[in-house]
N, C-alpha and C. Protein backbone atom coordinates (compact mmCIF):
# COMPACT_ATOMS: atom_id res chain seq x y z
N MET A 1 0.85 -1.18 0.00
CA MET A 1 0.00 0.00 0.00
C MET A 1 0.89 1.24 0.00
N LYS A 2 0.67 2.14 -0.93
CA LYS A 2 1.45 3.37 -1.03
C LYS A 2 0.94 4.38 -0.01
N ILE A 3 1.86 5.20 0.49
CA ILE A 3 1.50 6.23 1.47
C ILE A 3 0.79 7.40 0.80
N TYR A 4 1.08 7.61 -0.46
CA TYR A 4 0.43 8.73 -1.15
C TYR A 4 -0.72 8.22 -2.02
N THR A 5 -1.79 9.00 -2.03
CA THR A 5 -2.98 8.63 -2.80
C THR A 5 -3.27 9.60 -3.93
N LYS A 6 -2.70 10.77 -3.86
CA LYS A 6 -2.89 11.86 -4.83
C LYS A 6 -4.29 12.47 -4.76
N THR A 7 -5.15 11.97 -3.86
CA THR A 7 -6.51 12.51 -3.77
C THR A 7 -6.55 13.87 -3.09
N GLY A 8 -5.48 14.24 -2.40
CA GLY A 8 -5.44 15.53 -1.72
C GLY A 8 -4.63 16.58 -2.46
N ASP A 9 -4.24 16.28 -3.67
CA ASP A 9 -3.36 17.19 -4.41
C ASP A 9 -4.00 18.53 -4.75
N LYS A 10 -5.30 18.63 -4.68
CA LYS A 10 -5.98 19.89 -5.00
C LYS A 10 -6.51 20.59 -3.75
N GLY A 11 -5.95 20.20 -2.58
CA GLY A 11 -6.29 20.91 -1.36
C GLY A 11 -7.55 20.43 -0.66
N GLU A 12 -7.98 19.23 -0.97
CA GLU A 12 -9.15 18.65 -0.29
C GLU A 12 -8.76 17.31 0.33
N THR A 13 -9.54 16.92 1.31
CA THR A 13 -9.37 15.62 1.94
C THR A 13 -10.75 15.07 2.25
N SER A 14 -10.79 13.80 2.63
CA SER A 14 -12.07 13.15 2.95
C SER A 14 -12.23 12.98 4.44
N LEU A 15 -13.43 13.23 4.92
CA LEU A 15 -13.79 12.88 6.29
C LEU A 15 -14.18 11.41 6.30
N PHE A 16 -14.21 10.80 7.52
CA PHE A 16 -14.81 9.47 7.62
C PHE A 16 -16.24 9.60 7.14
N GLY A 17 -16.64 8.78 6.24
CA GLY A 17 -17.97 8.90 5.66
C GLY A 17 -17.89 9.34 4.21
N GLY A 18 -16.73 9.87 3.81
CA GLY A 18 -16.50 10.17 2.42
C GLY A 18 -16.67 11.61 1.98
N ARG A 19 -17.30 12.44 2.78
CA ARG A 19 -17.50 13.84 2.37
C ARG A 19 -16.15 14.52 2.19
N ARG A 20 -15.97 15.22 1.07
CA ARG A 20 -14.75 15.95 0.77
C ARG A 20 -14.84 17.36 1.37
N VAL A 21 -13.74 17.78 1.99
CA VAL A 21 -13.67 19.13 2.56
C VAL A 21 -12.30 19.72 2.25
N ALA A 22 -12.23 21.04 2.29
CA ALA A 22 -10.96 21.72 2.09
C ALA A 22 -10.02 21.42 3.25
N LYS A 23 -8.74 21.29 2.94
CA LYS A 23 -7.76 20.97 3.97
C LYS A 23 -7.58 22.09 4.98
N ASP A 24 -8.05 23.30 4.64
CA ASP A 24 -7.97 24.39 5.60
C ASP A 24 -9.29 24.63 6.33
N SER A 25 -10.20 23.67 6.26
CA SER A 25 -11.47 23.82 6.97
C SER A 25 -11.23 23.77 8.47
N LEU A 26 -12.14 24.34 9.21
CA LEU A 26 -12.02 24.38 10.67
C LEU A 26 -11.97 22.96 11.26
N ARG A 27 -12.73 22.05 10.71
CA ARG A 27 -12.73 20.67 11.20
C ARG A 27 -11.35 20.04 11.03
N ILE A 28 -10.74 20.23 9.85
CA ILE A 28 -9.42 19.67 9.60
C ILE A 28 -8.39 20.34 10.50
N ASP A 29 -8.51 21.64 10.70
CA ASP A 29 -7.61 22.37 11.59
C ASP A 29 -7.72 21.82 13.02
N ALA A 30 -8.94 21.53 13.45
CA ALA A 30 -9.15 21.01 14.81
C ALA A 30 -8.51 19.64 14.98
N TYR A 31 -8.79 18.72 14.07
CA TYR A 31 -8.20 17.39 14.31
C TYR A 31 -6.72 17.36 13.93
N GLY A 32 -6.28 18.27 13.07
CA GLY A 32 -4.85 18.40 12.82
C GLY A 32 -4.11 18.88 14.05
N THR A 33 -4.73 19.75 14.82
CA THR A 33 -4.12 20.24 16.05
C THR A 33 -4.10 19.15 17.12
N ILE A 34 -5.11 18.29 17.13
CA ILE A 34 -5.09 17.13 18.02
C ILE A 34 -3.93 16.21 17.64
N ASP A 35 -3.70 16.03 16.34
CA ASP A 35 -2.57 15.22 15.86
C ASP A 35 -1.25 15.86 16.29
N GLU A 36 -1.16 17.18 16.18
CA GLU A 36 0.04 17.91 16.62
C GLU A 36 0.27 17.68 18.11
N LEU A 37 -0.79 17.78 18.91
CA LEU A 37 -0.70 17.54 20.34
C LEU A 37 -0.19 16.13 20.62
N ASN A 38 -0.73 15.15 19.90
CA ASN A 38 -0.31 13.77 20.09
C ASN A 38 1.17 13.61 19.77
N SER A 39 1.63 14.27 18.72
CA SER A 39 3.04 14.20 18.35
C SER A 39 3.93 14.83 19.42
N ILE A 40 3.50 15.96 19.95
CA ILE A 40 4.28 16.61 21.01
C ILE A 40 4.33 15.72 22.25
N LEU A 41 3.24 15.03 22.55
CA LEU A 41 3.26 14.11 23.69
C LEU A 41 4.24 12.96 23.44
N GLY A 42 4.40 12.57 22.18
CA GLY A 42 5.43 11.57 21.84
C GLY A 42 6.82 12.10 22.16
N VAL A 43 7.06 13.38 21.88
CA VAL A 43 8.34 14.00 22.24
C VAL A 43 8.48 14.02 23.76
N CYS A 44 7.42 14.39 24.46
CA CYS A 44 7.45 14.40 25.93
C CYS A 44 7.85 13.03 26.47
N ARG A 45 7.25 11.99 25.90
CA ARG A 45 7.56 10.64 26.36
C ARG A 45 9.01 10.27 26.09
N SER A 46 9.56 10.75 24.98
CA SER A 46 10.95 10.42 24.66
C SER A 46 11.92 11.10 25.62
N LEU A 47 11.50 12.22 26.21
CA LEU A 47 12.35 12.95 27.16
C LEU A 47 12.15 12.48 28.60
N ASN A 48 11.02 11.90 28.87
CA ASN A 48 10.60 11.55 30.23
C ASN A 48 11.30 10.28 30.72
N ASP A 49 11.66 10.26 32.01
CA ASP A 49 12.24 9.06 32.60
C ASP A 49 11.43 8.55 33.80
N GLN A 50 10.21 9.05 33.94
CA GLN A 50 9.35 8.65 35.05
C GLN A 50 8.25 7.71 34.55
N PRO A 51 8.29 6.42 34.93
CA PRO A 51 7.28 5.46 34.44
C PRO A 51 5.84 5.87 34.75
N GLU A 52 5.63 6.48 35.90
CA GLU A 52 4.29 6.91 36.30
C GLU A 52 3.73 7.94 35.31
N ILE A 53 4.58 8.83 34.86
CA ILE A 53 4.17 9.85 33.90
C ILE A 53 4.01 9.23 32.52
N ASP A 54 4.94 8.36 32.15
CA ASP A 54 4.90 7.76 30.82
C ASP A 54 3.62 6.98 30.57
N SER A 55 3.18 6.23 31.55
CA SER A 55 1.96 5.42 31.35
C SER A 55 0.74 6.32 31.14
N VAL A 56 0.70 7.46 31.83
CA VAL A 56 -0.43 8.38 31.67
C VAL A 56 -0.35 9.05 30.29
N LEU A 57 0.84 9.46 29.88
CA LEU A 57 0.98 10.08 28.57
C LEU A 57 0.62 9.11 27.44
N GLU A 58 0.98 7.86 27.61
CA GLU A 58 0.59 6.86 26.60
C GLU A 58 -0.93 6.72 26.53
N ARG A 59 -1.58 6.67 27.69
CA ARG A 59 -3.04 6.57 27.72
C ARG A 59 -3.67 7.78 27.01
N ILE A 60 -3.12 8.96 27.26
CA ILE A 60 -3.63 10.18 26.62
C ILE A 60 -3.45 10.08 25.11
N GLN A 61 -2.28 9.60 24.67
CA GLN A 61 -2.05 9.46 23.23
C GLN A 61 -3.09 8.53 22.60
N GLN A 62 -3.40 7.45 23.28
CA GLN A 62 -4.43 6.53 22.77
C GLN A 62 -5.77 7.25 22.66
N ASP A 63 -6.12 8.00 23.70
CA ASP A 63 -7.39 8.74 23.69
C ASP A 63 -7.42 9.79 22.58
N LEU A 64 -6.29 10.43 22.33
CA LEU A 64 -6.27 11.48 21.32
C LEU A 64 -6.54 10.93 19.92
N PHE A 65 -6.21 9.68 19.67
CA PHE A 65 -6.59 9.07 18.40
C PHE A 65 -8.10 8.96 18.31
N VAL A 66 -8.75 8.68 19.41
CA VAL A 66 -10.21 8.61 19.45
C VAL A 66 -10.80 9.99 19.21
N VAL A 67 -10.24 11.01 19.87
CA VAL A 67 -10.70 12.38 19.69
C VAL A 67 -10.55 12.79 18.23
N GLY A 68 -9.38 12.56 17.67
CA GLY A 68 -9.14 12.91 16.28
C GLY A 68 -10.07 12.20 15.33
N SER A 69 -10.33 10.93 15.60
CA SER A 69 -11.26 10.16 14.76
C SER A 69 -12.65 10.75 14.80
N GLU A 70 -13.10 11.13 15.99
CA GLU A 70 -14.44 11.72 16.09
C GLU A 70 -14.51 13.04 15.34
N LEU A 71 -13.47 13.84 15.45
CA LEU A 71 -13.47 15.12 14.74
C LEU A 71 -13.39 14.93 13.23
N ALA A 72 -12.86 13.80 12.79
CA ALA A 72 -12.74 13.52 11.36
C ALA A 72 -14.01 12.90 10.78
N MET A 73 -15.01 12.67 11.61
CA MET A 73 -16.26 12.05 11.14
C MET A 73 -17.26 13.09 10.71
N ASP A 74 -17.94 12.77 9.63
CA ASP A 74 -19.10 13.59 9.30
C ASP A 74 -20.29 13.05 10.09
N GLU A 75 -21.40 13.72 10.03
CA GLU A 75 -22.57 13.34 10.85
C GLU A 75 -23.05 11.92 10.56
N ILE A 76 -22.98 11.49 9.33
CA ILE A 76 -23.42 10.14 8.99
C ILE A 76 -22.53 9.11 9.68
N SER A 77 -21.23 9.35 9.68
CA SER A 77 -20.28 8.40 10.26
C SER A 77 -20.41 8.30 11.77
N LYS A 78 -20.88 9.36 12.44
CA LYS A 78 -20.97 9.34 13.89
C LYS A 78 -21.95 8.28 14.39
N LYS A 79 -22.75 7.77 13.50
CA LYS A 79 -23.68 6.70 13.88
C LYS A 79 -23.02 5.33 13.73
N SER A 80 -21.74 5.31 13.36
CA SER A 80 -21.04 4.04 13.17
C SER A 80 -20.60 3.47 14.51
N SER A 81 -19.86 2.39 14.44
CA SER A 81 -19.43 1.70 15.65
C SER A 81 -18.06 2.16 16.14
N ILE A 82 -17.55 3.25 15.60
CA ILE A 82 -16.25 3.76 16.05
C ILE A 82 -16.38 4.27 17.48
N ARG A 83 -15.41 3.90 18.30
CA ARG A 83 -15.42 4.30 19.72
C ARG A 83 -15.29 5.80 19.84
N LEU A 84 -16.02 6.37 20.77
CA LEU A 84 -15.98 7.79 21.07
C LEU A 84 -15.50 7.99 22.51
N ILE A 85 -14.98 9.15 22.79
CA ILE A 85 -14.60 9.48 24.17
C ILE A 85 -15.86 9.41 25.03
N SER A 86 -15.71 8.79 26.20
CA SER A 86 -16.86 8.64 27.09
C SER A 86 -16.57 9.34 28.42
N ASN A 87 -17.56 9.32 29.27
CA ASN A 87 -17.40 9.90 30.60
C ASN A 87 -16.31 9.17 31.38
N GLU A 88 -16.06 7.91 31.05
CA GLU A 88 -15.00 7.15 31.74
C GLU A 88 -13.64 7.79 31.53
N GLU A 89 -13.37 8.24 30.30
CA GLU A 89 -12.08 8.88 30.02
C GLU A 89 -11.96 10.21 30.76
N VAL A 90 -13.05 10.96 30.83
CA VAL A 90 -13.03 12.22 31.57
C VAL A 90 -12.76 11.95 33.05
N LYS A 91 -13.46 10.98 33.61
CA LYS A 91 -13.26 10.62 35.03
C LYS A 91 -11.83 10.15 35.27
N SER A 92 -11.27 9.43 34.32
CA SER A 92 -9.89 8.98 34.44
C SER A 92 -8.93 10.16 34.52
N LEU A 93 -9.14 11.17 33.68
CA LEU A 93 -8.30 12.37 33.73
C LEU A 93 -8.42 13.04 35.10
N GLU A 94 -9.64 13.13 35.60
CA GLU A 94 -9.86 13.76 36.91
C GLU A 94 -9.18 12.97 38.03
N LYS A 95 -9.20 11.65 37.94
CA LYS A 95 -8.52 10.82 38.96
C LYS A 95 -7.02 11.05 38.93
N TYR A 96 -6.45 11.13 37.72
CA TYR A 96 -5.02 11.42 37.61
C TYR A 96 -4.70 12.78 38.22
N ILE A 97 -5.50 13.78 37.90
CA ILE A 97 -5.28 15.12 38.45
C ILE A 97 -5.30 15.07 39.97
N ASP A 98 -6.35 14.48 40.53
CA ASP A 98 -6.48 14.42 41.99
C ASP A 98 -5.32 13.67 42.63
N SER A 99 -4.93 12.56 42.03
CA SER A 99 -3.83 11.75 42.57
C SER A 99 -2.50 12.49 42.51
N PHE A 100 -2.22 13.11 41.37
CA PHE A 100 -0.94 13.81 41.22
C PHE A 100 -0.87 15.06 42.07
N GLU A 101 -1.99 15.76 42.24
CA GLU A 101 -1.97 16.98 43.05
C GLU A 101 -1.61 16.69 44.50
N LEU A 102 -1.90 15.48 44.98
CA LEU A 102 -1.52 15.11 46.34
C LEU A 102 -0.01 15.09 46.52
N LYS A 103 0.72 14.95 45.43
CA LYS A 103 2.18 14.88 45.48
C LYS A 103 2.85 16.24 45.27
N LEU A 104 2.02 17.27 45.07
CA LEU A 104 2.54 18.60 44.74
C LEU A 104 2.30 19.60 45.87
N VAL A 105 3.20 20.56 45.95
CA VAL A 105 2.98 21.68 46.87
C VAL A 105 1.87 22.53 46.25
N PRO A 106 0.83 22.85 47.04
CA PRO A 106 -0.26 23.67 46.48
C PRO A 106 0.27 25.01 45.95
N LEU A 107 -0.28 25.42 44.83
CA LEU A 107 0.14 26.68 44.22
C LEU A 107 -0.44 27.87 44.97
N LYS A 108 0.41 28.87 45.18
CA LYS A 108 -0.04 30.13 45.78
C LYS A 108 0.25 31.28 44.83
N ASN A 109 0.97 30.98 43.75
CA ASN A 109 1.35 31.98 42.75
C ASN A 109 1.22 31.32 41.37
N PHE A 110 1.15 32.17 40.35
CA PHE A 110 1.30 31.65 39.00
C PHE A 110 2.75 31.23 38.83
N ILE A 111 2.98 30.23 37.99
CA ILE A 111 4.35 29.80 37.71
C ILE A 111 4.61 29.95 36.22
N LEU A 112 5.89 30.12 35.90
CA LEU A 112 6.28 30.20 34.50
C LEU A 112 6.38 28.79 33.92
N PRO A 113 5.93 28.60 32.70
CA PRO A 113 6.10 27.29 32.08
C PRO A 113 7.60 27.01 31.93
N GLY A 114 8.00 25.82 32.25
CA GLY A 114 9.41 25.46 32.12
C GLY A 114 9.81 24.40 33.11
N GLY A 115 11.07 24.43 33.49
CA GLY A 115 11.62 23.44 34.39
C GLY A 115 12.51 22.49 33.62
N ASN A 116 12.44 21.22 33.96
CA ASN A 116 13.25 20.24 33.24
C ASN A 116 12.70 20.07 31.81
N GLN A 117 13.45 19.38 30.96
CA GLN A 117 13.04 19.25 29.55
C GLN A 117 11.65 18.63 29.40
N THR A 118 11.38 17.60 30.18
CA THR A 118 10.07 16.95 30.08
C THR A 118 8.97 17.91 30.47
N ALA A 119 9.14 18.58 31.60
CA ALA A 119 8.10 19.50 32.08
C ALA A 119 7.89 20.65 31.10
N ALA A 120 8.97 21.22 30.59
CA ALA A 120 8.85 22.32 29.65
C ALA A 120 8.10 21.88 28.39
N THR A 121 8.37 20.68 27.94
CA THR A 121 7.71 20.17 26.74
C THR A 121 6.24 19.84 27.03
N ILE A 122 5.95 19.37 28.22
CA ILE A 122 4.55 19.12 28.60
C ILE A 122 3.79 20.45 28.69
N HIS A 123 4.44 21.48 29.22
CA HIS A 123 3.80 22.81 29.22
C HIS A 123 3.49 23.24 27.79
N PHE A 124 4.42 23.00 26.87
CA PHE A 124 4.18 23.32 25.46
C PHE A 124 2.98 22.53 24.94
N ALA A 125 2.93 21.24 25.26
CA ALA A 125 1.79 20.40 24.85
C ALA A 125 0.49 20.96 25.41
N ARG A 126 0.53 21.46 26.64
CA ARG A 126 -0.67 22.05 27.25
C ARG A 126 -1.18 23.23 26.44
N THR A 127 -0.26 24.05 25.94
CA THR A 127 -0.71 25.20 25.15
C THR A 127 -1.29 24.77 23.81
N VAL A 128 -0.76 23.71 23.24
CA VAL A 128 -1.33 23.17 21.99
C VAL A 128 -2.71 22.59 22.29
N CYS A 129 -2.86 21.96 23.45
CA CYS A 129 -4.17 21.44 23.86
C CYS A 129 -5.18 22.57 23.98
N ARG A 130 -4.76 23.69 24.54
CA ARG A 130 -5.67 24.84 24.67
C ARG A 130 -6.03 25.39 23.29
N ARG A 131 -5.08 25.39 22.36
CA ARG A 131 -5.38 25.84 21.00
C ARG A 131 -6.39 24.90 20.35
N ALA A 132 -6.18 23.60 20.54
CA ALA A 132 -7.14 22.62 20.01
C ALA A 132 -8.52 22.86 20.60
N GLU A 133 -8.56 23.15 21.88
CA GLU A 133 -9.84 23.43 22.54
C GLU A 133 -10.52 24.64 21.91
N ARG A 134 -9.76 25.70 21.66
CA ARG A 134 -10.35 26.89 21.04
C ARG A 134 -10.90 26.57 19.65
N LEU A 135 -10.16 25.77 18.90
CA LEU A 135 -10.62 25.39 17.56
C LEU A 135 -11.89 24.55 17.62
N ILE A 136 -11.94 23.63 18.57
CA ILE A 136 -13.12 22.76 18.71
C ILE A 136 -14.33 23.58 19.15
N VAL A 137 -14.11 24.52 20.06
CA VAL A 137 -15.21 25.41 20.48
C VAL A 137 -15.71 26.21 19.27
N ASN A 138 -14.80 26.75 18.50
CA ASN A 138 -15.17 27.49 17.30
C ASN A 138 -15.96 26.59 16.34
N LEU A 139 -15.48 25.37 16.14
CA LEU A 139 -16.18 24.41 15.29
C LEU A 139 -17.58 24.12 15.83
N SER A 140 -17.71 24.06 17.15
CA SER A 140 -19.01 23.75 17.77
C SER A 140 -20.05 24.84 17.51
N HIS A 141 -19.60 26.04 17.16
CA HIS A 141 -20.54 27.11 16.81
C HIS A 141 -21.10 26.93 15.40
N LYS A 142 -20.45 26.08 14.62
CA LYS A 142 -20.85 25.89 13.23
C LYS A 142 -21.40 24.50 12.93
N GLU A 143 -20.95 23.52 13.71
CA GLU A 143 -21.35 22.13 13.50
C GLU A 143 -21.62 21.50 14.87
N ILE A 144 -22.28 20.36 14.85
CA ILE A 144 -22.59 19.68 16.10
C ILE A 144 -21.34 18.94 16.60
N ILE A 145 -20.92 19.31 17.80
CA ILE A 145 -19.79 18.66 18.48
C ILE A 145 -20.31 18.21 19.84
N ARG A 146 -20.03 16.98 20.19
CA ARG A 146 -20.49 16.48 21.49
C ARG A 146 -19.83 17.27 22.62
N GLU A 147 -20.62 17.65 23.60
CA GLU A 147 -20.12 18.42 24.74
C GLU A 147 -19.03 17.65 25.48
N LEU A 148 -19.15 16.34 25.54
CA LEU A 148 -18.18 15.52 26.26
C LEU A 148 -16.78 15.63 25.65
N LEU A 149 -16.73 15.84 24.35
CA LEU A 149 -15.44 16.03 23.69
C LEU A 149 -14.78 17.32 24.19
N LEU A 150 -15.56 18.37 24.32
CA LEU A 150 -15.04 19.63 24.85
C LEU A 150 -14.60 19.49 26.31
N ILE A 151 -15.37 18.77 27.08
CA ILE A 151 -15.03 18.55 28.49
C ILE A 151 -13.71 17.78 28.59
N TYR A 152 -13.56 16.74 27.76
CA TYR A 152 -12.34 15.94 27.78
C TYR A 152 -11.12 16.82 27.49
N ILE A 153 -11.19 17.62 26.45
CA ILE A 153 -10.04 18.45 26.06
C ILE A 153 -9.74 19.50 27.14
N ASN A 154 -10.77 20.07 27.74
CA ASN A 154 -10.58 21.03 28.82
C ASN A 154 -9.88 20.37 30.00
N ARG A 155 -10.35 19.20 30.38
CA ARG A 155 -9.76 18.48 31.51
C ARG A 155 -8.33 18.05 31.18
N LEU A 156 -8.10 17.68 29.92
CA LEU A 156 -6.76 17.25 29.51
C LEU A 156 -5.74 18.37 29.70
N SER A 157 -6.08 19.58 29.36
CA SER A 157 -5.12 20.68 29.54
C SER A 157 -4.80 20.88 31.02
N ASP A 158 -5.80 20.70 31.88
CA ASP A 158 -5.55 20.77 33.33
C ASP A 158 -4.59 19.67 33.76
N LEU A 159 -4.82 18.46 33.26
CA LEU A 159 -3.95 17.34 33.61
C LEU A 159 -2.52 17.58 33.13
N LEU A 160 -2.36 18.10 31.92
CA LEU A 160 -1.02 18.35 31.41
C LEU A 160 -0.28 19.36 32.29
N PHE A 161 -0.98 20.37 32.79
CA PHE A 161 -0.37 21.33 33.71
C PHE A 161 0.12 20.61 34.96
N VAL A 162 -0.71 19.74 35.51
CA VAL A 162 -0.35 19.01 36.73
C VAL A 162 0.81 18.05 36.45
N ILE A 163 0.80 17.39 35.30
CA ILE A 163 1.90 16.46 34.97
C ILE A 163 3.22 17.22 34.82
N ALA A 164 3.18 18.40 34.22
CA ALA A 164 4.40 19.21 34.10
C ALA A 164 4.95 19.53 35.49
N ARG A 165 4.06 19.92 36.38
CA ARG A 165 4.48 20.23 37.76
C ARG A 165 5.03 18.97 38.44
N LEU A 166 4.37 17.83 38.22
CA LEU A 166 4.83 16.57 38.82
C LEU A 166 6.22 16.21 38.32
N SER A 167 6.45 16.39 37.03
CA SER A 167 7.76 16.09 36.47
C SER A 167 8.84 16.93 37.14
N ASN A 168 8.56 18.21 37.33
CA ASN A 168 9.52 19.07 38.02
C ASN A 168 9.73 18.63 39.46
N THR A 169 8.64 18.28 40.12
CA THR A 169 8.73 17.84 41.52
C THR A 169 9.56 16.57 41.64
N LEU A 170 9.29 15.59 40.77
CA LEU A 170 10.01 14.32 40.85
C LEU A 170 11.49 14.48 40.55
N SER A 171 11.83 15.45 39.71
CA SER A 171 13.25 15.68 39.37
C SER A 171 13.88 16.73 40.28
N LYS A 172 13.10 17.20 41.25
CA LYS A 172 13.57 18.23 42.19
C LYS A 172 14.00 19.51 41.47
N THR A 173 13.27 19.83 40.40
CA THR A 173 13.51 21.07 39.66
C THR A 173 12.56 22.12 40.19
N PRO A 174 13.09 23.24 40.67
CA PRO A 174 12.20 24.26 41.24
C PRO A 174 11.33 24.93 40.18
N GLU A 175 10.13 25.29 40.60
CA GLU A 175 9.23 26.05 39.73
C GLU A 175 9.56 27.52 39.92
N ILE A 176 9.43 28.28 38.85
CA ILE A 176 9.74 29.70 38.92
C ILE A 176 8.43 30.47 38.99
N LYS A 177 8.29 31.24 40.07
CA LYS A 177 7.07 32.03 40.26
C LYS A 177 7.04 33.20 39.31
N TRP A 178 5.86 33.51 38.83
CA TRP A 178 5.67 34.70 38.01
C TRP A 178 5.66 35.90 38.96
N ILE A 179 6.44 36.91 38.61
CA ILE A 179 6.51 38.12 39.43
C ILE A 179 5.78 39.23 38.68
N SER A 180 4.72 39.71 39.30
CA SER A 180 3.91 40.78 38.67
C SER A 180 4.33 42.13 39.23
N GLU A 181 5.30 42.71 38.63
CA GLU A 181 5.84 43.98 39.17
C GLU A 181 5.01 45.14 38.79
């Protein structure tokens, strides 16, 4: 099977279900940004040396394929048997957040994104997650998007913030407080 199909040579691609759309459509931008986030998480995993963090990042990567698949579906395809993000995945993110926060010093100030390489890259992933969220919200004003998908992405950015902090804590890398002069 060849990697190239030549069907996108004129700036269009197909959604699941077959409908052709422009490659710069909001839907393609949204799931492309989810793909970008997934790739950045792969970089995070390559830098990370904490098994506890790695297993969570891998789970997130698996979920992001589900998110991307849902965003790539047209309305007809959403009635198919493809798995969608469920409340279980949202609850799982919340459990990770609650568990990891127990290991962290409570925040009393804003902190600058950064720290060790893993944490800095996870902070970067968090900002890409927020961009994906903005795109999905924008898309939801034009097309039907399940609310649970928005909840998942919102919760995911919170978890990525906590994981970045956990990475710094585990490596004994100090967080730098934002100074509002």
